[in-house]
């Protein structure tokens, strides 16, 4: 198996169809190789196409939203409308009773050792339980026969909140007086990697540019099963 074969990912399709895309992708990569650099560095210093680009630009890629199966259910989350709040009550009786609804899940339906997930530490609940920490955090998950039924069931869910003062920036989160969003504090991990003498490099630099930058969303997408 060649380097190009390793780690290739392709959308759903027959083996014959995948082989067509594999050959096309190999052709793109081979065309960008620079023989003067030798075979040991075929990718360094050059722009290599993503190995899924052909499927995507030709409209062949399959995403979860594109897949349908016989008897498939449609789902919807009921999400937090507050950036930070205590969850006092979650009432789903009416939603569960709606014809066509197959399942309505809350945090109470998860065993304690299965509720939390995370990348570095397990501190993110699959469904919010006692507190929500951002707008859009899922609280209730609904599965129904149709999208319309799922949305109707979501509208029947009743949630009582006690709004809390949110932390709106990393700087505020690091303040000694900041509210602790988690029991362990507001820092998930403190990791540093130092290579060389940074202070000396700054001192020897012709120009040092410092600034504060913001990345703010320009629009908000609708709430749905995502």
N, C-alpha and C. Protein backbone atom coordinates (compact mmCIF):
# COMPACT_ATOMS: atom_id res chain seq x y z
N UNK A 1 0.85 -1.20 0.00
CA UNK A 1 0.00 0.00 0.00
C UNK A 1 0.89 1.24 0.00
N UNK A 2 0.61 2.19 -0.85
CA UNK A 2 1.44 3.39 -0.97
C UNK A 2 1.08 4.41 0.10
N UNK A 3 1.89 5.48 0.17
CA UNK A 3 1.60 6.55 1.12
C UNK A 3 0.25 7.18 0.86
N UNK A 4 -0.10 7.31 -0.41
CA UNK A 4 -1.35 7.98 -0.75
C UNK A 4 -2.55 7.14 -0.30
N UNK A 5 -2.40 5.82 -0.30
CA UNK A 5 -3.51 4.97 0.10
C UNK A 5 -3.79 5.08 1.59
N UNK A 6 -2.74 5.29 2.39
CA UNK A 6 -2.91 5.28 3.84
C UNK A 6 -3.81 6.43 4.28
N UNK A 7 -4.83 6.08 5.06
CA UNK A 7 -5.70 7.09 5.64
C UNK A 7 -6.69 7.71 4.68
N UNK A 8 -6.80 7.22 3.46
CA UNK A 8 -7.78 7.80 2.55
C UNK A 8 -9.20 7.51 3.06
N UNK A 9 -10.06 8.50 2.90
CA UNK A 9 -11.44 8.35 3.33
C UNK A 9 -12.34 8.68 2.15
N UNK A 10 -13.31 7.82 1.93
CA UNK A 10 -14.20 8.03 0.80
C UNK A 10 -15.64 7.87 1.25
N UNK A 11 -16.53 8.52 0.53
CA UNK A 11 -17.95 8.44 0.85
C UNK A 11 -18.48 7.05 0.52
N UNK A 12 -19.70 6.82 0.91
CA UNK A 12 -20.30 5.53 0.64
C UNK A 12 -20.41 5.28 -0.86
N UNK A 13 -20.24 4.06 -1.25
CA UNK A 13 -20.31 3.71 -2.67
C UNK A 13 -19.69 2.35 -2.89
N UNK A 14 -19.78 1.86 -4.11
CA UNK A 14 -19.23 0.55 -4.42
C UNK A 14 -17.71 0.62 -4.45
N UNK A 15 -17.08 -0.55 -4.37
CA UNK A 15 -15.63 -0.63 -4.43
C UNK A 15 -15.13 -0.11 -5.78
N UNK A 16 -15.87 -0.42 -6.86
CA UNK A 16 -15.47 0.05 -8.18
C UNK A 16 -15.49 1.57 -8.25
N UNK A 17 -16.54 2.20 -7.66
CA UNK A 17 -16.63 3.65 -7.68
C UNK A 17 -15.50 4.28 -6.88
N UNK A 18 -15.18 3.68 -5.74
CA UNK A 18 -14.09 4.21 -4.92
C UNK A 18 -12.77 4.14 -5.66
N UNK A 19 -12.55 3.10 -6.43
CA UNK A 19 -11.30 2.97 -7.17
C UNK A 19 -11.15 4.09 -8.19
N UNK A 20 -12.25 4.53 -8.79
CA UNK A 20 -12.19 5.66 -9.73
C UNK A 20 -11.69 6.91 -9.03
N UNK A 21 -12.25 7.19 -7.84
CA UNK A 21 -11.83 8.39 -7.11
C UNK A 21 -10.40 8.25 -6.62
N UNK A 22 -10.00 7.05 -6.21
CA UNK A 22 -8.64 6.84 -5.75
C UNK A 22 -7.64 7.14 -6.87
N UNK A 23 -7.93 6.67 -8.08
CA UNK A 23 -7.03 6.93 -9.20
C UNK A 23 -6.96 8.42 -9.53
N UNK A 24 -8.11 9.10 -9.47
CA UNK A 24 -8.13 10.53 -9.76
C UNK A 24 -7.34 11.31 -8.71
N UNK A 25 -7.51 10.92 -7.45
CA UNK A 25 -6.80 11.61 -6.37
C UNK A 25 -5.30 11.37 -6.49
N UNK A 26 -4.91 10.15 -6.78
CA UNK A 26 -3.48 9.88 -6.96
C UNK A 26 -2.90 10.74 -8.07
N UNK A 27 -3.67 10.91 -9.15
CA UNK A 27 -3.20 11.73 -10.26
C UNK A 27 -2.95 13.17 -9.84
N UNK A 28 -3.87 13.72 -9.01
CA UNK A 28 -3.69 15.09 -8.53
C UNK A 28 -2.43 15.22 -7.68
N UNK A 29 -2.22 14.27 -6.78
CA UNK A 29 -1.06 14.33 -5.90
C UNK A 29 0.23 14.16 -6.68
N UNK A 30 0.24 13.21 -7.59
CA UNK A 30 1.45 12.96 -8.38
C UNK A 30 1.81 14.19 -9.21
N UNK A 31 0.80 14.91 -9.71
CA UNK A 31 1.06 16.08 -10.54
C UNK A 31 1.72 17.20 -9.74
N UNK A 32 1.54 17.19 -8.42
CA UNK A 32 2.10 18.26 -7.58
C UNK A 32 3.45 17.90 -7.00
N UNK A 33 3.88 16.69 -7.17
CA UNK A 33 5.17 16.27 -6.63
C UNK A 33 6.31 16.96 -7.39
N UNK A 34 7.33 17.31 -6.65
CA UNK A 34 8.51 17.94 -7.23
C UNK A 34 9.67 16.95 -7.16
N UNK A 35 10.06 16.33 -8.27
CA UNK A 35 11.11 15.31 -8.24
C UNK A 35 12.41 15.80 -7.63
N UNK A 36 12.67 17.10 -7.68
CA UNK A 36 13.94 17.61 -7.16
C UNK A 36 14.04 17.48 -5.65
N UNK A 37 12.90 17.33 -4.98
CA UNK A 37 12.91 17.16 -3.53
C UNK A 37 13.09 15.72 -3.12
N UNK A 38 13.01 14.81 -4.03
CA UNK A 38 13.18 13.41 -3.69
C UNK A 38 11.91 12.78 -3.17
N UNK A 39 11.90 11.47 -3.09
CA UNK A 39 10.72 10.72 -2.69
C UNK A 39 10.44 10.82 -1.21
N UNK A 40 11.44 11.23 -0.39
CA UNK A 40 11.25 11.23 1.05
C UNK A 40 10.38 12.38 1.54
N UNK A 41 10.26 13.45 0.76
CA UNK A 41 9.47 14.60 1.20
C UNK A 41 8.44 14.97 0.13
N UNK A 42 7.48 14.11 -0.14
CA UNK A 42 6.54 14.39 -1.22
C UNK A 42 5.50 15.44 -0.87
N UNK A 43 5.33 15.78 0.43
CA UNK A 43 4.25 16.68 0.81
C UNK A 43 4.74 17.98 1.44
N UNK A 44 5.96 18.00 1.98
CA UNK A 44 6.44 19.18 2.70
C UNK A 44 6.63 20.35 1.74
N UNK A 45 6.07 21.50 2.11
CA UNK A 45 6.27 22.70 1.34
C UNK A 45 5.39 22.83 0.11
N UNK A 46 4.39 22.01 -0.02
CA UNK A 46 3.51 22.10 -1.19
C UNK A 46 2.07 21.87 -0.76
N UNK A 47 1.14 22.36 -1.53
CA UNK A 47 -0.28 22.24 -1.22
C UNK A 47 -0.82 20.96 -1.84
N UNK A 48 -1.25 20.03 -1.00
CA UNK A 48 -1.78 18.75 -1.44
C UNK A 48 -3.30 18.77 -1.29
N UNK A 49 -4.06 18.38 -2.27
CA UNK A 49 -5.53 18.37 -2.16
C UNK A 49 -5.99 17.46 -1.03
N UNK A 50 -7.07 17.84 -0.39
CA UNK A 50 -7.71 16.95 0.58
C UNK A 50 -8.12 15.67 -0.13
N UNK A 51 -8.01 14.54 0.58
CA UNK A 51 -8.32 13.28 -0.08
C UNK A 51 -9.81 13.02 -0.24
N UNK A 52 -10.64 13.96 0.22
CA UNK A 52 -12.08 13.84 -0.01
C UNK A 52 -12.60 14.94 -0.94
N UNK A 53 -11.67 15.69 -1.54
CA UNK A 53 -12.10 16.87 -2.28
C UNK A 53 -12.90 16.51 -3.54
N UNK A 54 -12.54 15.42 -4.22
CA UNK A 54 -13.24 15.10 -5.46
C UNK A 54 -14.69 14.73 -5.19
N UNK A 55 -14.92 13.95 -4.14
CA UNK A 55 -16.30 13.61 -3.79
C UNK A 55 -17.11 14.87 -3.51
N UNK A 56 -16.51 15.83 -2.80
CA UNK A 56 -17.26 17.00 -2.37
C UNK A 56 -17.54 17.96 -3.52
N UNK A 57 -16.52 18.27 -4.32
CA UNK A 57 -16.74 19.25 -5.39
C UNK A 57 -17.62 18.69 -6.50
N UNK A 58 -17.74 17.38 -6.60
CA UNK A 58 -18.59 16.78 -7.63
C UNK A 58 -19.95 16.35 -7.06
N UNK A 59 -20.20 16.74 -5.79
CA UNK A 59 -21.51 16.47 -5.21
C UNK A 59 -21.77 15.01 -4.89
N UNK A 60 -20.72 14.21 -4.73
CA UNK A 60 -20.90 12.80 -4.46
C UNK A 60 -20.77 12.45 -2.98
N UNK A 61 -20.29 13.37 -2.17
CA UNK A 61 -20.07 13.07 -0.76
C UNK A 61 -21.40 12.83 -0.05
N UNK A 62 -21.43 11.86 0.82
CA UNK A 62 -22.61 11.53 1.60
C UNK A 62 -22.41 12.00 3.04
N UNK A 63 -23.31 12.86 3.51
CA UNK A 63 -23.30 13.33 4.89
C UNK A 63 -24.47 12.70 5.63
N UNK A 64 -24.41 12.75 6.95
CA UNK A 64 -25.47 12.13 7.75
C UNK A 64 -26.84 12.66 7.36
N UNK A 65 -26.92 13.97 7.07
CA UNK A 65 -28.20 14.58 6.72
C UNK A 65 -28.72 14.09 5.37
N UNK A 66 -27.84 13.48 4.54
CA UNK A 66 -28.25 13.00 3.23
C UNK A 66 -28.72 11.55 3.25
N UNK A 67 -28.51 10.85 4.35
CA UNK A 67 -28.78 9.42 4.39
C UNK A 67 -30.21 9.15 4.86
N UNK A 68 -30.87 8.26 4.19
CA UNK A 68 -32.21 7.82 4.60
C UNK A 68 -32.26 6.30 4.58
N UNK A 69 -33.06 5.74 5.47
CA UNK A 69 -33.24 4.29 5.55
C UNK A 69 -34.70 4.00 5.86
N UNK A 70 -35.17 2.84 5.46
CA UNK A 70 -36.57 2.49 5.78
C UNK A 70 -36.80 2.49 7.29
N UNK A 71 -37.87 3.13 7.71
CA UNK A 71 -38.20 3.16 9.13
C UNK A 71 -37.34 4.09 9.96
N UNK A 72 -36.55 4.93 9.32
CA UNK A 72 -35.66 5.82 10.05
C UNK A 72 -36.46 6.85 10.84
N UNK A 73 -36.01 7.14 12.06
CA UNK A 73 -36.64 8.15 12.89
C UNK A 73 -35.96 9.50 12.68
N UNK A 74 -36.69 10.55 12.96
CA UNK A 74 -36.17 11.91 12.89
C UNK A 74 -36.03 12.44 14.31
N UNK A 75 -34.98 13.21 14.52
CA UNK A 75 -34.72 13.67 15.88
C UNK A 75 -34.62 15.17 16.00
N UNK A 76 -34.74 15.62 17.23
CA UNK A 76 -34.61 17.05 17.52
C UNK A 76 -34.16 17.22 18.97
N UNK A 77 -33.27 18.18 19.17
CA UNK A 77 -32.87 18.55 20.51
C UNK A 77 -33.69 19.75 20.97
N UNK A 78 -34.01 19.77 22.24
CA UNK A 78 -34.48 21.00 22.88
C UNK A 78 -33.26 21.59 23.57
N UNK A 79 -32.91 22.81 23.19
CA UNK A 79 -31.65 23.40 23.62
C UNK A 79 -31.86 24.59 24.56
N UNK A 80 -30.82 24.89 25.29
CA UNK A 80 -30.87 26.00 26.25
C UNK A 80 -31.06 27.33 25.54
N UNK A 81 -31.90 28.17 26.12
CA UNK A 81 -32.08 29.53 25.62
C UNK A 81 -31.30 30.54 26.46
N UNK A 82 -30.50 30.03 27.40
CA UNK A 82 -29.73 30.89 28.30
C UNK A 82 -28.24 30.57 28.18
N UNK A 83 -27.39 31.58 28.33
CA UNK A 83 -25.95 31.32 28.31
C UNK A 83 -25.46 30.63 29.57
N UNK A 84 -26.13 30.85 30.68
CA UNK A 84 -25.72 30.24 31.94
C UNK A 84 -26.93 30.28 32.87
N UNK A 85 -27.37 29.12 33.35
CA UNK A 85 -28.57 29.09 34.19
C UNK A 85 -28.67 27.74 34.90
N UNK A 86 -29.31 27.77 36.04
CA UNK A 86 -29.67 26.52 36.72
C UNK A 86 -30.93 25.97 36.09
N UNK A 87 -30.97 24.66 35.92
CA UNK A 87 -32.16 24.01 35.38
C UNK A 87 -32.97 23.49 36.56
N UNK A 88 -34.12 24.10 36.79
CA UNK A 88 -34.93 23.76 37.95
C UNK A 88 -35.93 22.65 37.66
N UNK A 89 -36.43 22.59 36.42
CA UNK A 89 -37.44 21.58 36.10
C UNK A 89 -37.43 21.31 34.61
N UNK A 90 -37.51 20.02 34.26
CA UNK A 90 -37.65 19.61 32.86
C UNK A 90 -38.86 18.69 32.80
N UNK A 91 -39.92 19.12 32.13
CA UNK A 91 -41.17 18.37 32.06
C UNK A 91 -41.39 17.90 30.62
N UNK A 92 -41.39 16.58 30.42
CA UNK A 92 -41.50 16.02 29.07
C UNK A 92 -42.71 15.11 28.91
N UNK A 93 -43.63 15.11 29.88
CA UNK A 93 -44.78 14.20 29.83
C UNK A 93 -45.61 14.40 28.57
N UNK A 94 -45.92 15.65 28.24
CA UNK A 94 -46.74 15.91 27.05
C UNK A 94 -46.01 15.50 25.77
N UNK A 95 -44.72 15.73 25.73
CA UNK A 95 -43.95 15.36 24.54
C UNK A 95 -43.94 13.85 24.35
N UNK A 96 -43.78 13.09 25.42
CA UNK A 96 -43.76 11.63 25.33
C UNK A 96 -45.12 11.08 24.93
N UNK A 97 -46.19 11.78 25.27
CA UNK A 97 -47.53 11.29 24.97
C UNK A 97 -47.97 11.59 23.55
N UNK A 98 -47.23 12.41 22.83
CA UNK A 98 -47.63 12.79 21.48
C UNK A 98 -47.53 11.59 20.54
N UNK A 99 -48.60 11.27 19.79
CA UNK A 99 -48.55 10.14 18.85
C UNK A 99 -47.42 10.33 17.83
N UNK A 100 -46.69 9.26 17.59
CA UNK A 100 -45.58 9.33 16.65
C UNK A 100 -44.23 9.57 17.30
N UNK A 101 -44.22 9.87 18.60
CA UNK A 101 -42.97 10.06 19.33
C UNK A 101 -42.53 8.71 19.88
N UNK A 102 -41.32 8.31 19.56
CA UNK A 102 -40.80 7.01 19.99
C UNK A 102 -39.93 7.10 21.23
N UNK A 103 -39.26 8.22 21.41
CA UNK A 103 -38.36 8.33 22.56
C UNK A 103 -38.13 9.79 22.90
N UNK A 104 -38.11 10.07 24.19
CA UNK A 104 -37.75 11.38 24.71
C UNK A 104 -36.75 11.16 25.84
N UNK A 105 -35.56 11.66 25.67
CA UNK A 105 -34.49 11.43 26.64
C UNK A 105 -34.09 12.72 27.33
N UNK A 106 -33.84 12.62 28.64
CA UNK A 106 -33.25 13.71 29.41
C UNK A 106 -32.02 13.15 30.13
N UNK A 107 -31.33 14.01 30.84
CA UNK A 107 -30.14 13.55 31.58
C UNK A 107 -30.50 12.47 32.59
N UNK A 108 -31.73 12.48 33.08
CA UNK A 108 -32.15 11.48 34.07
C UNK A 108 -32.18 10.07 33.48
N UNK A 109 -32.20 9.95 32.18
CA UNK A 109 -32.25 8.64 31.53
C UNK A 109 -30.86 8.03 31.32
N UNK A 110 -29.81 8.77 31.65
CA UNK A 110 -28.45 8.28 31.48
C UNK A 110 -27.89 7.81 32.82
N UNK A 111 -27.24 6.65 32.86
CA UNK A 111 -26.52 6.26 34.09
C UNK A 111 -25.46 7.30 34.41
N UNK A 112 -25.17 7.45 35.67
CA UNK A 112 -24.23 8.48 36.09
C UNK A 112 -22.87 8.37 35.42
N UNK A 113 -22.42 7.14 35.16
CA UNK A 113 -21.09 6.98 34.56
C UNK A 113 -21.11 7.09 33.05
N UNK A 114 -22.27 7.36 32.45
CA UNK A 114 -22.36 7.49 30.99
C UNK A 114 -22.81 8.87 30.56
N UNK A 115 -23.08 9.74 31.52
CA UNK A 115 -23.63 11.06 31.18
C UNK A 115 -22.56 12.01 30.66
N UNK A 116 -21.35 11.94 31.19
CA UNK A 116 -20.32 12.91 30.88
C UNK A 116 -19.37 12.41 29.80
N UNK A 117 -19.02 13.30 28.89
CA UNK A 117 -18.05 13.00 27.86
C UNK A 117 -17.05 14.16 27.80
N UNK A 118 -16.00 14.01 27.01
CA UNK A 118 -15.04 15.10 26.87
C UNK A 118 -13.81 14.65 26.14
N UNK A 119 -12.98 15.61 25.76
CA UNK A 119 -11.76 15.30 25.03
C UNK A 119 -10.60 15.03 25.98
N UNK A 120 -10.34 15.96 26.88
CA UNK A 120 -9.27 15.78 27.86
C UNK A 120 -9.77 15.19 29.16
N UNK A 121 -10.88 15.71 29.63
CA UNK A 121 -11.54 15.14 30.81
C UNK A 121 -13.03 15.07 30.52
N UNK A 122 -13.71 14.16 31.18
CA UNK A 122 -15.15 14.01 30.97
C UNK A 122 -15.90 15.02 31.86
N UNK A 123 -16.18 16.18 31.27
CA UNK A 123 -16.89 17.21 32.03
C UNK A 123 -18.06 17.80 31.26
N UNK A 124 -18.34 17.28 30.07
CA UNK A 124 -19.43 17.79 29.24
C UNK A 124 -20.58 16.78 29.24
N UNK A 125 -21.74 17.13 29.80
CA UNK A 125 -22.86 16.20 29.80
C UNK A 125 -23.44 16.01 28.39
N UNK A 126 -23.82 14.79 28.07
CA UNK A 126 -24.49 14.53 26.79
C UNK A 126 -25.76 15.37 26.70
N UNK A 127 -26.51 15.39 27.79
CA UNK A 127 -27.66 16.28 27.93
C UNK A 127 -27.52 17.01 29.26
N UNK A 128 -27.74 18.32 29.25
CA UNK A 128 -27.55 19.12 30.45
C UNK A 128 -28.48 18.63 31.55
N UNK A 129 -27.97 18.63 32.77
CA UNK A 129 -28.74 18.11 33.90
C UNK A 129 -29.16 19.23 34.85
N UNK A 130 -28.25 19.74 35.65
CA UNK A 130 -28.60 20.74 36.66
C UNK A 130 -28.29 22.16 36.22
N UNK A 131 -27.45 22.31 35.21
CA UNK A 131 -27.03 23.64 34.79
C UNK A 131 -26.74 23.63 33.29
N UNK A 132 -27.01 24.75 32.63
CA UNK A 132 -26.62 24.92 31.23
C UNK A 132 -25.53 25.99 31.20
N UNK A 133 -24.55 25.78 30.30
CA UNK A 133 -23.38 26.66 30.29
C UNK A 133 -23.23 27.43 28.98
N UNK A 134 -24.14 27.24 28.05
CA UNK A 134 -24.10 28.06 26.84
C UNK A 134 -25.45 27.97 26.13
N UNK A 135 -25.76 29.01 25.36
CA UNK A 135 -26.97 28.99 24.56
C UNK A 135 -26.86 27.86 23.54
N UNK A 136 -27.89 27.05 23.45
CA UNK A 136 -27.89 25.94 22.50
C UNK A 136 -27.45 24.62 23.10
N UNK A 137 -27.07 24.59 24.36
CA UNK A 137 -26.67 23.31 24.96
C UNK A 137 -27.89 22.38 25.00
N UNK A 138 -27.77 21.13 24.52
CA UNK A 138 -28.93 20.24 24.48
C UNK A 138 -29.37 19.79 25.87
N UNK A 139 -30.67 19.79 26.07
CA UNK A 139 -31.25 19.38 27.35
C UNK A 139 -32.13 18.16 27.17
N UNK A 140 -32.87 18.12 26.08
CA UNK A 140 -33.79 17.01 25.79
C UNK A 140 -33.55 16.54 24.36
N UNK A 141 -33.55 15.23 24.17
CA UNK A 141 -33.43 14.64 22.84
C UNK A 141 -34.72 13.89 22.51
N UNK A 142 -35.26 14.15 21.31
CA UNK A 142 -36.53 13.56 20.91
C UNK A 142 -36.35 12.80 19.61
N UNK A 143 -36.90 11.60 19.53
CA UNK A 143 -36.92 10.82 18.29
C UNK A 143 -38.37 10.52 17.94
N UNK A 144 -38.75 10.81 16.69
CA UNK A 144 -40.15 10.65 16.27
C UNK A 144 -40.20 10.13 14.84
N UNK A 145 -41.41 9.79 14.40
CA UNK A 145 -41.60 9.21 13.07
C UNK A 145 -41.34 10.22 11.96
N UNK A 146 -41.60 11.49 12.22
CA UNK A 146 -41.37 12.53 11.22
C UNK A 146 -40.73 13.74 11.87
N UNK A 147 -40.14 14.59 11.03
CA UNK A 147 -39.54 15.81 11.55
C UNK A 147 -40.60 16.71 12.17
N UNK A 148 -41.78 16.77 11.55
CA UNK A 148 -42.84 17.63 12.06
C UNK A 148 -43.29 17.19 13.46
N UNK A 149 -43.38 15.87 13.66
CA UNK A 149 -43.78 15.38 14.98
C UNK A 149 -42.70 15.68 16.00
N UNK A 150 -41.45 15.51 15.62
CA UNK A 150 -40.35 15.81 16.53
C UNK A 150 -40.36 17.27 16.95
N UNK A 151 -40.61 18.16 15.99
CA UNK A 151 -40.65 19.58 16.31
C UNK A 151 -41.86 19.92 17.18
N UNK A 152 -42.99 19.26 16.90
CA UNK A 152 -44.17 19.50 17.73
C UNK A 152 -43.93 19.03 19.16
N UNK A 153 -43.27 17.89 19.31
CA UNK A 153 -42.96 17.38 20.64
C UNK A 153 -42.02 18.32 21.38
N UNK A 154 -41.04 18.86 20.66
CA UNK A 154 -40.11 19.79 21.29
C UNK A 154 -40.83 21.02 21.84
N UNK A 155 -41.86 21.46 21.13
CA UNK A 155 -42.60 22.65 21.58
C UNK A 155 -43.41 22.36 22.84
N UNK A 156 -43.62 21.08 23.16
CA UNK A 156 -44.39 20.71 24.35
C UNK A 156 -43.52 20.54 25.59
N UNK A 157 -42.20 20.55 25.41
CA UNK A 157 -41.29 20.40 26.55
C UNK A 157 -41.29 21.69 27.37
N UNK A 158 -41.38 21.54 28.68
CA UNK A 158 -41.37 22.70 29.58
C UNK A 158 -40.10 22.67 30.42
N UNK A 159 -39.36 23.78 30.40
CA UNK A 159 -38.11 23.87 31.16
C UNK A 159 -38.13 25.16 31.97
N UNK A 160 -37.88 25.03 33.27
CA UNK A 160 -37.79 26.20 34.14
C UNK A 160 -36.31 26.47 34.44
N UNK A 161 -35.90 27.72 34.23
CA UNK A 161 -34.52 28.12 34.46
C UNK A 161 -34.43 29.14 35.59
N UNK A 162 -33.29 29.18 36.22
CA UNK A 162 -32.91 30.30 37.08
C UNK A 162 -31.67 30.92 36.45
N UNK A 163 -31.82 32.03 35.73
CA UNK A 163 -30.67 32.62 35.04
C UNK A 163 -29.55 33.00 36.00
N UNK A 164 -28.31 32.74 35.56
CA UNK A 164 -27.12 33.10 36.32
C UNK A 164 -26.28 34.05 35.49
N UNK A 165 -25.37 34.75 36.15
CA UNK A 165 -24.51 35.69 35.44
C UNK A 165 -23.46 34.92 34.65
N UNK A 166 -23.45 35.06 33.32
CA UNK A 166 -22.52 34.27 32.51
C UNK A 166 -21.12 34.85 32.52
N UNK A 167 -20.16 34.00 32.20
CA UNK A 167 -18.78 34.43 31.95
C UNK A 167 -18.64 34.55 30.44
N UNK A 168 -18.24 35.71 29.95
CA UNK A 168 -18.30 35.99 28.52
C UNK A 168 -16.95 36.08 27.83
N UNK A 169 -15.88 35.84 28.56
CA UNK A 169 -14.57 35.88 27.90
C UNK A 169 -13.60 34.99 28.68
N UNK A 170 -12.57 34.46 28.00
CA UNK A 170 -11.55 33.67 28.69
C UNK A 170 -10.87 34.47 29.80
N UNK A 171 -10.67 35.76 29.56
CA UNK A 171 -10.02 36.59 30.59
C UNK A 171 -10.86 36.63 31.86
N UNK A 172 -12.18 36.81 31.70
CA UNK A 172 -13.06 36.82 32.88
C UNK A 172 -13.06 35.47 33.57
N UNK A 173 -12.97 34.40 32.79
CA UNK A 173 -13.00 33.06 33.37
C UNK A 173 -11.79 32.79 34.25
N UNK A 174 -10.66 33.46 33.96
CA UNK A 174 -9.44 33.26 34.72
C UNK A 174 -9.33 34.17 35.94
N UNK A 175 -10.30 35.06 36.10
CA UNK A 175 -10.27 35.96 37.24
C UNK A 175 -10.44 35.18 38.55
N UNK A 176 -9.76 35.63 39.59
CA UNK A 176 -9.85 34.95 40.89
C UNK A 176 -11.27 34.99 41.45
N UNK A 177 -12.06 35.99 41.04
CA UNK A 177 -13.42 36.12 41.57
C UNK A 177 -14.47 35.49 40.64
N UNK A 178 -14.02 34.85 39.56
CA UNK A 178 -14.96 34.28 38.59
C UNK A 178 -15.71 33.10 39.19
N UNK A 179 -16.97 32.98 38.77
CA UNK A 179 -17.76 31.81 39.14
C UNK A 179 -17.13 30.57 38.53
N UNK A 180 -17.08 29.48 39.29
CA UNK A 180 -16.50 28.23 38.80
C UNK A 180 -17.56 27.47 38.00
N UNK A 181 -17.35 27.37 36.69
CA UNK A 181 -18.32 26.69 35.84
C UNK A 181 -18.35 25.19 36.09
N UNK A 182 -17.22 24.64 36.52
CA UNK A 182 -17.13 23.22 36.86
C UNK A 182 -16.49 23.10 38.24
N UNK A 183 -16.67 21.95 38.86
CA UNK A 183 -16.12 21.76 40.20
C UNK A 183 -14.62 21.95 40.24
N UNK A 184 -13.96 21.53 39.15
CA UNK A 184 -12.50 21.65 39.11
C UNK A 184 -12.01 23.02 38.70
N UNK A 185 -12.92 23.96 38.46
CA UNK A 185 -12.51 25.30 38.05
C UNK A 185 -12.77 25.54 36.58
N UNK A 186 -12.22 26.63 36.06
CA UNK A 186 -12.51 27.05 34.70
C UNK A 186 -11.40 26.73 33.71
N UNK A 187 -10.36 26.05 34.15
CA UNK A 187 -9.27 25.65 33.27
C UNK A 187 -9.30 24.14 33.11
N UNK A 188 -9.54 23.69 31.89
CA UNK A 188 -9.64 22.24 31.67
C UNK A 188 -8.27 21.58 31.73
N UNK A 189 -7.22 22.29 31.26
CA UNK A 189 -5.87 21.76 31.30
C UNK A 189 -4.89 22.90 31.09
N UNK A 190 -3.73 22.79 31.68
CA UNK A 190 -2.67 23.79 31.50
C UNK A 190 -1.49 23.10 30.84
N UNK A 191 -1.36 23.28 29.55
CA UNK A 191 -0.32 22.60 28.79
C UNK A 191 0.58 23.62 28.11
N UNK A 192 1.87 23.46 28.25
CA UNK A 192 2.83 24.37 27.63
C UNK A 192 3.87 23.56 26.86
N UNK A 193 4.28 24.11 25.74
CA UNK A 193 5.37 23.52 24.97
C UNK A 193 6.31 24.64 24.57
N UNK A 194 7.52 24.57 25.03
CA UNK A 194 8.50 25.62 24.78
C UNK A 194 9.61 25.05 23.92
N UNK A 195 9.94 25.76 22.86
CA UNK A 195 11.02 25.34 21.97
C UNK A 195 11.92 26.55 21.72
N UNK A 196 13.14 26.50 22.20
CA UNK A 196 14.05 27.62 22.02
C UNK A 196 13.85 28.69 23.07
N UNK A 197 14.51 29.82 22.88
CA UNK A 197 14.46 30.93 23.82
C UNK A 197 13.53 32.00 23.25
N UNK A 198 12.29 31.99 23.67
CA UNK A 198 11.29 32.91 23.13
C UNK A 198 11.65 34.36 23.45
N UNK A 199 12.09 34.61 24.67
CA UNK A 199 12.42 35.98 25.06
C UNK A 199 13.56 36.53 24.19
N UNK A 200 14.56 35.70 23.94
CA UNK A 200 15.69 36.13 23.12
C UNK A 200 15.24 36.38 21.67
N UNK A 201 14.33 35.54 21.17
CA UNK A 201 13.84 35.72 19.81
C UNK A 201 13.08 37.03 19.68
N UNK A 202 12.27 37.37 20.67
CA UNK A 202 11.57 38.65 20.64
C UNK A 202 12.56 39.81 20.70
N UNK A 203 13.56 39.67 21.54
CA UNK A 203 14.54 40.75 21.70
C UNK A 203 15.31 40.99 20.42
N UNK A 204 15.54 39.93 19.63
CA UNK A 204 16.31 40.07 18.40
C UNK A 204 15.45 40.40 17.19
N UNK A 205 14.13 40.37 17.35
CA UNK A 205 13.24 40.61 16.21
C UNK A 205 13.25 42.07 15.81
N UNK A 206 13.15 42.33 14.51
CA UNK A 206 13.07 43.70 14.01
C UNK A 206 11.74 44.35 14.38
N UNK A 207 10.69 43.56 14.35
CA UNK A 207 9.35 44.08 14.66
C UNK A 207 8.62 43.06 15.52
N UNK A 208 7.94 43.51 16.55
CA UNK A 208 7.08 42.67 17.38
C UNK A 208 5.68 43.26 17.33
N UNK A 209 4.73 42.49 16.91
CA UNK A 209 3.35 42.97 16.78
C UNK A 209 2.50 42.28 17.84
N UNK A 210 1.80 43.07 18.62
CA UNK A 210 0.90 42.54 19.64
C UNK A 210 -0.49 43.11 19.42
N UNK A 211 -1.50 42.34 19.73
CA UNK A 211 -2.86 42.84 19.56
C UNK A 211 -3.87 41.93 20.22
N UNK A 212 -5.08 42.39 20.30
CA UNK A 212 -6.19 41.60 20.83
C UNK A 212 -7.18 41.39 19.70
N UNK A 213 -7.58 40.15 19.49
CA UNK A 213 -8.41 39.81 18.34
C UNK A 213 -9.69 39.14 18.80
N UNK A 214 -10.76 39.39 18.08
CA UNK A 214 -12.06 38.80 18.40
C UNK A 214 -12.59 38.03 17.19
N UNK A 215 -13.21 36.91 17.47
CA UNK A 215 -13.85 36.11 16.44
C UNK A 215 -15.31 35.95 16.84
N UNK A 216 -16.19 36.68 16.21
CA UNK A 216 -17.59 36.69 16.60
C UNK A 216 -18.45 36.17 15.46
N UNK A 217 -19.44 35.32 15.76
CA UNK A 217 -20.33 34.82 14.70
C UNK A 217 -21.20 35.93 14.14
N UNK A 218 -21.44 35.85 12.84
CA UNK A 218 -22.27 36.87 12.19
C UNK A 218 -23.73 36.45 12.09
N UNK A 219 -24.00 35.17 12.33
CA UNK A 219 -25.38 34.71 12.26
C UNK A 219 -25.54 33.51 13.16
N UNK A 220 -26.78 33.21 13.47
CA UNK A 220 -27.09 32.07 14.32
C UNK A 220 -27.98 31.11 13.52
N UNK A 221 -27.57 29.86 13.48
CA UNK A 221 -28.37 28.89 12.76
C UNK A 221 -29.54 28.43 13.62
N UNK A 222 -30.56 27.93 12.97
CA UNK A 222 -31.74 27.47 13.68
C UNK A 222 -31.45 26.24 14.52
N UNK A 223 -32.28 26.03 15.51
CA UNK A 223 -32.12 24.88 16.38
C UNK A 223 -32.64 23.64 15.67
N UNK A 224 -31.91 22.58 15.73
CA UNK A 224 -32.33 21.33 15.10
C UNK A 224 -31.55 20.16 15.64
N UNK A 225 -31.67 19.07 14.99
CA UNK A 225 -30.94 17.86 15.40
C UNK A 225 -29.59 17.93 14.75
N UNK A 226 -28.54 18.27 15.52
CA UNK A 226 -27.21 18.44 14.95
C UNK A 226 -26.20 17.81 15.89
